[in-house]
């Protein structure tokens, strides 16, 4: 089981890569949605980390995946700007 990061900035991706977590940097809702769906469909990925800004953008898609029979966990993480209020 692997972790996978979906981020909207390179700083978060670089930091997580140093910790051994692979991922992608996306620009825009469509690219983020495609990355999320691909990660959720990958049987090797067990935990998907998503930056908070993207969590807000992808809320509906994240809920669909969480409510499906999928076995992955989706976790929102703060990025370089800290927690969004």
N, C-alpha and C. Protein backbone atom coordinates (compact mmCIF):
# COMPACT_ATOMS: atom_id res chain seq x y z
N UNK A 1 0.85 -1.17 0.00
CA UNK A 1 0.00 0.00 0.00
C UNK A 1 0.90 1.24 0.00
N UNK A 2 0.60 2.16 -0.91
CA UNK A 2 1.41 3.35 -1.05
C UNK A 2 0.59 4.61 -0.76
N UNK A 3 1.33 5.65 -0.39
CA UNK A 3 0.76 7.00 -0.31
C UNK A 3 0.90 7.64 -1.68
N UNK A 4 0.02 8.60 -1.98
CA UNK A 4 0.12 9.36 -3.22
C UNK A 4 -0.38 10.77 -2.94
N UNK A 5 0.34 11.77 -3.44
CA UNK A 5 -0.01 13.17 -3.20
C UNK A 5 -0.56 13.81 -4.46
N UNK A 6 -1.65 14.56 -4.30
CA UNK A 6 -2.16 15.41 -5.36
C UNK A 6 -2.09 16.83 -4.81
N UNK A 7 -1.26 17.66 -5.44
CA UNK A 7 -0.98 18.99 -4.92
C UNK A 7 -1.18 20.05 -6.00
N UNK A 8 -1.40 21.26 -5.55
CA UNK A 8 -1.51 22.39 -6.47
C UNK A 8 -0.25 23.25 -6.43
N UNK A 9 0.78 22.79 -5.71
CA UNK A 9 2.03 23.56 -5.66
C UNK A 9 3.23 22.62 -5.57
N UNK A 10 4.34 23.09 -6.10
CA UNK A 10 5.54 22.25 -6.15
C UNK A 10 6.22 22.11 -4.80
N UNK A 11 6.03 23.07 -3.90
CA UNK A 11 6.66 22.99 -2.58
C UNK A 11 6.16 21.77 -1.81
N UNK A 12 4.86 21.57 -1.80
CA UNK A 12 4.30 20.41 -1.10
C UNK A 12 4.77 19.11 -1.75
N UNK A 13 4.79 19.09 -3.08
CA UNK A 13 5.22 17.88 -3.78
C UNK A 13 6.69 17.57 -3.49
N UNK A 14 7.53 18.60 -3.47
CA UNK A 14 8.95 18.39 -3.19
C UNK A 14 9.17 17.89 -1.77
N UNK A 15 8.48 18.48 -0.82
CA UNK A 15 8.61 18.05 0.57
C UNK A 15 8.16 16.62 0.78
N UNK A 16 7.05 16.26 0.18
CA UNK A 16 6.56 14.89 0.33
C UNK A 16 7.46 13.90 -0.41
N UNK A 17 8.02 14.31 -1.53
CA UNK A 17 8.94 13.44 -2.26
C UNK A 17 10.16 13.12 -1.41
N UNK A 18 10.63 14.10 -0.63
CA UNK A 18 11.75 13.85 0.27
C UNK A 18 11.41 12.80 1.32
N UNK A 19 10.13 12.69 1.66
CA UNK A 19 9.68 11.69 2.62
C UNK A 19 9.31 10.36 1.95
N UNK A 20 9.51 10.30 0.62
CA UNK A 20 9.25 9.06 -0.09
C UNK A 20 7.85 8.93 -0.67
N UNK A 21 7.10 10.03 -0.66
CA UNK A 21 5.74 10.00 -1.19
C UNK A 21 5.74 10.58 -2.60
N UNK A 22 5.35 9.76 -3.56
CA UNK A 22 5.24 10.22 -4.94
C UNK A 22 3.92 10.96 -5.12
N UNK A 23 3.83 11.73 -6.19
CA UNK A 23 2.60 12.44 -6.45
C UNK A 23 2.67 13.27 -7.70
N UNK A 24 1.66 14.10 -7.88
CA UNK A 24 1.57 14.97 -9.05
C UNK A 24 1.22 16.39 -8.60
N UNK A 25 1.64 17.33 -9.41
CA UNK A 25 1.25 18.73 -9.23
C UNK A 25 0.28 19.03 -10.36
N UNK A 26 -0.89 19.51 -10.02
CA UNK A 26 -1.93 19.74 -11.02
C UNK A 26 -2.27 21.23 -11.08
N UNK A 27 -2.83 21.61 -12.21
CA UNK A 27 -3.29 22.98 -12.41
C UNK A 27 -4.73 22.92 -12.91
N UNK A 28 -5.64 23.31 -12.08
CA UNK A 28 -7.04 23.34 -12.49
C UNK A 28 -7.85 22.16 -12.04
N UNK A 29 -9.15 22.36 -12.04
CA UNK A 29 -10.09 21.37 -11.55
C UNK A 29 -10.08 20.08 -12.37
N UNK A 30 -10.07 20.20 -13.69
CA UNK A 30 -10.15 19.01 -14.53
C UNK A 30 -8.93 18.11 -14.35
N UNK A 31 -7.76 18.72 -14.33
CA UNK A 31 -6.54 17.95 -14.14
C UNK A 31 -6.51 17.31 -12.75
N UNK A 32 -6.97 18.04 -11.75
CA UNK A 32 -7.02 17.50 -10.39
C UNK A 32 -8.01 16.34 -10.30
N UNK A 33 -9.15 16.48 -10.94
CA UNK A 33 -10.15 15.42 -10.93
C UNK A 33 -9.63 14.16 -11.60
N UNK A 34 -8.95 14.31 -12.74
CA UNK A 34 -8.38 13.15 -13.43
C UNK A 34 -7.33 12.46 -12.55
N UNK A 35 -6.49 13.25 -11.90
CA UNK A 35 -5.46 12.67 -11.03
C UNK A 35 -6.09 11.93 -9.85
N UNK A 36 -7.13 12.50 -9.27
CA UNK A 36 -7.82 11.87 -8.15
C UNK A 36 -8.45 10.55 -8.57
N UNK A 37 -9.13 10.54 -9.70
CA UNK A 37 -9.77 9.32 -10.18
C UNK A 37 -8.74 8.24 -10.50
N UNK A 38 -7.64 8.64 -11.13
CA UNK A 38 -6.59 7.67 -11.46
C UNK A 38 -5.97 7.09 -10.20
N UNK A 39 -5.71 7.92 -9.20
CA UNK A 39 -5.13 7.44 -7.95
C UNK A 39 -6.11 6.52 -7.21
N UNK A 40 -7.38 6.88 -7.21
CA UNK A 40 -8.38 6.05 -6.52
C UNK A 40 -8.55 4.70 -7.21
N UNK A 41 -8.33 4.63 -8.51
CA UNK A 41 -8.47 3.38 -9.25
C UNK A 41 -7.23 2.50 -9.18
N UNK A 42 -6.11 3.05 -8.72
CA UNK A 42 -4.86 2.28 -8.64
C UNK A 42 -4.90 1.40 -7.39
N UNK A 43 -4.85 0.08 -7.57
CA UNK A 43 -4.95 -0.81 -6.40
C UNK A 43 -3.74 -0.76 -5.47
N UNK A 44 -2.62 -0.21 -5.94
CA UNK A 44 -1.43 -0.10 -5.10
C UNK A 44 -1.47 1.10 -4.16
N UNK A 45 -2.34 2.07 -4.44
CA UNK A 45 -2.43 3.28 -3.63
C UNK A 45 -3.50 3.10 -2.56
N UNK A 46 -3.10 3.25 -1.31
CA UNK A 46 -4.03 3.09 -0.20
C UNK A 46 -4.43 4.39 0.45
N UNK A 47 -3.54 5.40 0.39
CA UNK A 47 -3.82 6.69 1.01
C UNK A 47 -3.51 7.79 0.02
N UNK A 48 -4.49 8.63 -0.26
CA UNK A 48 -4.32 9.75 -1.17
C UNK A 48 -4.30 11.02 -0.34
N UNK A 49 -3.20 11.75 -0.43
CA UNK A 49 -3.06 13.03 0.26
C UNK A 49 -3.40 14.13 -0.73
N UNK A 50 -4.27 15.06 -0.33
CA UNK A 50 -4.71 16.14 -1.21
C UNK A 50 -4.57 17.45 -0.45
N UNK A 51 -3.93 18.44 -1.07
CA UNK A 51 -3.80 19.73 -0.39
C UNK A 51 -5.18 20.34 -0.17
N UNK A 52 -5.30 21.13 0.88
CA UNK A 52 -6.61 21.66 1.30
C UNK A 52 -7.32 22.46 0.22
N UNK A 53 -6.57 23.23 -0.54
CA UNK A 53 -7.19 24.02 -1.60
C UNK A 53 -7.86 23.11 -2.61
N UNK A 54 -7.19 22.03 -2.96
CA UNK A 54 -7.78 21.08 -3.91
C UNK A 54 -8.94 20.31 -3.28
N UNK A 55 -8.87 20.06 -1.98
CA UNK A 55 -10.00 19.41 -1.29
C UNK A 55 -11.26 20.24 -1.43
N UNK A 56 -11.11 21.55 -1.31
CA UNK A 56 -12.25 22.44 -1.45
C UNK A 56 -12.80 22.41 -2.87
N UNK A 57 -11.91 22.33 -3.83
CA UNK A 57 -12.31 22.31 -5.24
C UNK A 57 -12.95 20.97 -5.62
N UNK A 58 -12.43 19.89 -5.07
CA UNK A 58 -12.85 18.54 -5.44
C UNK A 58 -13.80 17.90 -4.44
N UNK A 59 -14.45 18.70 -3.64
CA UNK A 59 -15.30 18.17 -2.57
C UNK A 59 -16.27 17.09 -3.00
N UNK A 60 -17.01 17.32 -4.09
CA UNK A 60 -18.00 16.35 -4.54
C UNK A 60 -17.36 15.04 -4.98
N UNK A 61 -16.26 15.14 -5.74
CA UNK A 61 -15.58 13.94 -6.21
C UNK A 61 -14.99 13.14 -5.04
N UNK A 62 -14.43 13.84 -4.07
CA UNK A 62 -13.87 13.16 -2.90
C UNK A 62 -14.96 12.43 -2.14
N UNK A 63 -16.09 13.04 -1.96
CA UNK A 63 -17.20 12.39 -1.25
C UNK A 63 -17.69 11.16 -1.99
N UNK A 64 -17.76 11.22 -3.33
CA UNK A 64 -18.18 10.06 -4.11
C UNK A 64 -17.22 8.89 -3.90
N UNK A 65 -15.93 9.18 -3.90
CA UNK A 65 -14.95 8.12 -3.71
C UNK A 65 -15.01 7.57 -2.30
N UNK A 66 -15.16 8.46 -1.32
CA UNK A 66 -15.25 8.01 0.07
C UNK A 66 -16.47 7.14 0.30
N UNK A 67 -17.56 7.44 -0.39
CA UNK A 67 -18.80 6.69 -0.21
C UNK A 67 -18.90 5.45 -1.09
N UNK A 68 -17.95 5.26 -1.97
CA UNK A 68 -17.96 4.09 -2.85
C UNK A 68 -17.34 2.89 -2.11
N UNK A 69 -17.24 1.80 -2.82
CA UNK A 69 -16.66 0.59 -2.24
C UNK A 69 -15.14 0.60 -2.30
N UNK A 70 -14.56 1.71 -2.72
CA UNK A 70 -13.10 1.79 -2.82
C UNK A 70 -12.43 1.62 -1.47
N UNK A 71 -11.19 1.19 -1.52
CA UNK A 71 -10.47 0.91 -0.28
C UNK A 71 -9.43 1.96 0.05
N UNK A 72 -9.44 3.09 -0.66
CA UNK A 72 -8.41 4.11 -0.38
C UNK A 72 -8.96 5.16 0.59
N UNK A 73 -8.04 5.73 1.34
CA UNK A 73 -8.34 6.78 2.29
C UNK A 73 -7.89 8.10 1.67
N UNK A 74 -8.72 9.12 1.70
CA UNK A 74 -8.37 10.44 1.16
C UNK A 74 -8.25 11.41 2.33
N UNK A 75 -7.08 12.05 2.44
CA UNK A 75 -6.78 12.93 3.56
C UNK A 75 -6.39 14.31 3.03
N UNK A 76 -7.03 15.35 3.55
CA UNK A 76 -6.65 16.71 3.21
C UNK A 76 -5.51 17.17 4.10
N UNK A 77 -4.50 17.78 3.49
CA UNK A 77 -3.34 18.25 4.25
C UNK A 77 -3.12 19.73 3.98
N UNK A 78 -2.64 20.48 4.98
CA UNK A 78 -2.32 21.89 4.74
C UNK A 78 -1.08 21.98 3.85
N UNK A 79 -0.97 23.08 3.11
CA UNK A 79 0.21 23.26 2.28
C UNK A 79 1.09 24.37 2.86
N UNK A 80 1.94 24.95 2.06
CA UNK A 80 2.90 25.93 2.54
C UNK A 80 2.25 27.17 3.15
N UNK A 81 0.99 27.40 2.86
CA UNK A 81 0.28 28.55 3.40
C UNK A 81 -0.38 28.26 4.74
N UNK A 82 -0.27 27.04 5.21
CA UNK A 82 -0.91 26.65 6.47
C UNK A 82 -2.34 26.23 6.24
N UNK A 83 -3.04 26.08 7.33
CA UNK A 83 -4.45 25.65 7.25
C UNK A 83 -5.31 26.77 6.70
N UNK A 84 -6.24 26.39 5.83
CA UNK A 84 -7.17 27.39 5.30
C UNK A 84 -8.37 27.49 6.24
N UNK A 85 -8.75 28.67 6.52
CA UNK A 85 -9.86 28.91 7.44
C UNK A 85 -11.15 29.09 6.69
